[in-house]
Amino acid sequence: MDLQDQLKSLFPGHVPEKTETPKKKSDIWLQDDPIICKYEKRKGKPITILEGYTGADDDFKKLASELKSKLNVGGSFKEGKIIIQGDYRDRIMALLKEKGFNVKRVGG
């Protein structure tokens, strides 16, 4: 006898509510192709580069500012690429997957 059966025997007149969690609607266009997440060193300092977004540049800029604020790091948006200071590939990939993006890790 599982918990649901025990509760039904204790409270026979109770009808449980069905609660549906509303899905968050992203204000950023989600693409089918994966966003490329790669690591480089420039002038001896590590950076993470995100590229391959096929939507509007304004959406990608919005995503860049959101990532920078969540990670508390610096970075920029140049020529269709997001450049984040430091090696944050794992955390960035987790954040993007949480938002619904496909992410592909390139290099190391």
Protein backbone atom coordinates (compact mmCIF):
# COMPACT_ATOMS: atom_id res chain seq x y z
CA MET A 1 0.00 0.00 0.00
CA ASP A 2 1.55 3.27 -1.08
CA LEU A 3 1.06 6.75 0.33
CA GLN A 4 -1.74 7.67 -2.08
CA ASP A 5 -3.80 4.65 -1.01
CA GLN A 6 -3.23 5.44 2.66
CA LEU A 7 -4.38 9.02 2.16
CA LYS A 8 -7.48 7.86 0.28
CA SER A 9 -8.42 5.56 3.17
CA LEU A 10 -7.92 8.37 5.71
CA PHE A 11 -9.73 11.04 3.67
CA PRO A 12 -12.24 9.29 1.37
CA GLY A 13 -14.04 12.48 0.29
CA HIS A 14 -10.94 14.43 -0.65
CA VAL A 15 -10.26 15.02 -4.32
CA PRO A 16 -6.67 16.10 -4.99
CA GLU A 17 -6.16 19.17 -7.17
CA LYS A 18 -4.25 18.82 -10.35
CA THR A 19 -1.62 21.51 -10.47
CA GLU A 20 0.23 22.20 -13.65
CA THR A 21 3.38 24.24 -13.53
CA PRO A 22 3.34 26.80 -16.29
CA LYS A 23 6.36 26.63 -18.55
CA LYS A 24 8.48 29.73 -18.69
CA LYS A 25 8.21 31.34 -22.04
CA SER A 26 11.60 32.52 -23.14
CA ASP A 27 11.79 36.00 -24.63
CA ILE A 28 14.84 34.86 -26.61
CA TRP A 29 14.42 32.87 -29.81
CA LEU A 30 15.50 29.25 -29.33
CA GLN A 31 17.19 27.61 -32.29
CA ASP A 32 17.50 23.98 -33.29
CA ASP A 33 21.23 24.11 -34.08
CA PRO A 34 23.55 24.01 -31.06
CA ILE A 35 25.39 27.06 -29.77
CA ILE A 36 29.14 26.44 -29.86
CA CYS A 37 30.90 26.92 -26.51
CA LYS A 38 34.69 26.99 -26.75
CA TYR A 39 37.69 27.92 -24.67
CA GLU A 40 40.68 30.00 -25.77
CA LYS A 41 43.57 31.86 -24.27
CA ARG A 42 44.23 35.40 -25.40
CA LYS A 43 47.29 37.19 -24.11
CA GLY A 44 47.70 34.39 -21.57
CA LYS A 45 44.22 34.84 -20.07
CA PRO A 46 41.40 32.30 -20.44
CA ILE A 47 38.17 33.26 -22.20
CA THR A 48 34.98 31.40 -23.12
CA ILE A 49 33.46 32.09 -26.53
CA LEU A 50 29.86 31.40 -27.53
CA GLU A 51 29.01 31.48 -31.21
CA GLY A 52 26.60 29.99 -33.72
CA TYR A 53 23.40 31.82 -32.72
CA THR A 54 21.23 32.37 -35.80
CA GLY A 55 18.63 34.66 -34.26
CA ALA A 56 18.59 38.43 -33.92
CA ASP A 57 21.68 40.17 -32.56
CA ASP A 58 19.55 41.96 -29.96
CA ASP A 59 18.48 38.61 -28.48
CA PHE A 60 22.08 37.41 -28.36
CA LYS A 61 23.15 40.68 -26.68
CA LYS A 62 20.40 40.18 -24.11
CA LEU A 63 21.65 36.65 -23.49
CA ALA A 64 25.21 37.96 -23.13
CA SER A 65 24.25 40.50 -20.48
CA GLU A 66 22.20 37.89 -18.63
CA LEU A 67 25.10 35.42 -18.59
CA LYS A 68 27.56 38.06 -17.43
CA SER A 69 25.31 39.13 -14.58
CA LYS A 70 24.59 35.55 -13.43
CA LEU A 71 28.28 34.62 -13.51
CA ASN A 72 29.45 37.97 -12.10
CA VAL A 73 32.16 38.29 -14.73
CA GLY A 74 33.12 40.66 -17.50
CA GLY A 75 32.74 40.08 -21.17
CA SER A 76 31.54 41.53 -24.43
CA PHE A 77 29.50 40.93 -27.56
CA LYS A 78 31.48 41.34 -30.79
CA GLU A 79 30.84 40.18 -34.36
CA GLY A 80 28.09 37.73 -33.44
CA LYS A 81 30.07 36.15 -30.59
CA ILE A 82 29.76 36.37 -26.82
CA ILE A 83 33.15 36.59 -25.13
CA ILE A 84 33.20 35.85 -21.38
CA GLN A 85 36.32 36.45 -19.32
CA GLY A 86 37.45 33.19 -17.68
CA ASP A 87 36.80 29.50 -18.20
CA TYR A 88 33.11 29.10 -17.35
CA ARG A 89 32.13 26.52 -19.99
CA ASP A 90 30.41 24.12 -17.59
CA ARG A 91 28.37 26.79 -15.83
CA ILE A 92 27.44 28.53 -19.09
CA MET A 93 26.37 25.25 -20.67
CA ALA A 94 24.21 24.46 -17.64
CA LEU A 95 22.57 27.90 -17.77
CA LEU A 96 21.89 27.65 -21.50
CA LYS A 97 20.46 24.13 -21.21
CA GLU A 98 18.21 25.38 -18.41
CA LYS A 99 16.91 28.05 -20.81
CA GLY A 100 16.24 25.41 -23.47
CA PHE A 101 19.21 25.86 -25.82
CA ASN A 102 21.23 23.06 -27.38
CA VAL A 103 24.91 23.56 -26.53
CA LYS A 104 27.95 21.88 -28.02
CA ARG A 105 31.30 21.95 -26.24
CA VAL A 106 34.27 22.39 -28.56
CA GLY A 107 37.88 21.78 -27.56
CA GLY A 108 39.27 20.29 -24.36
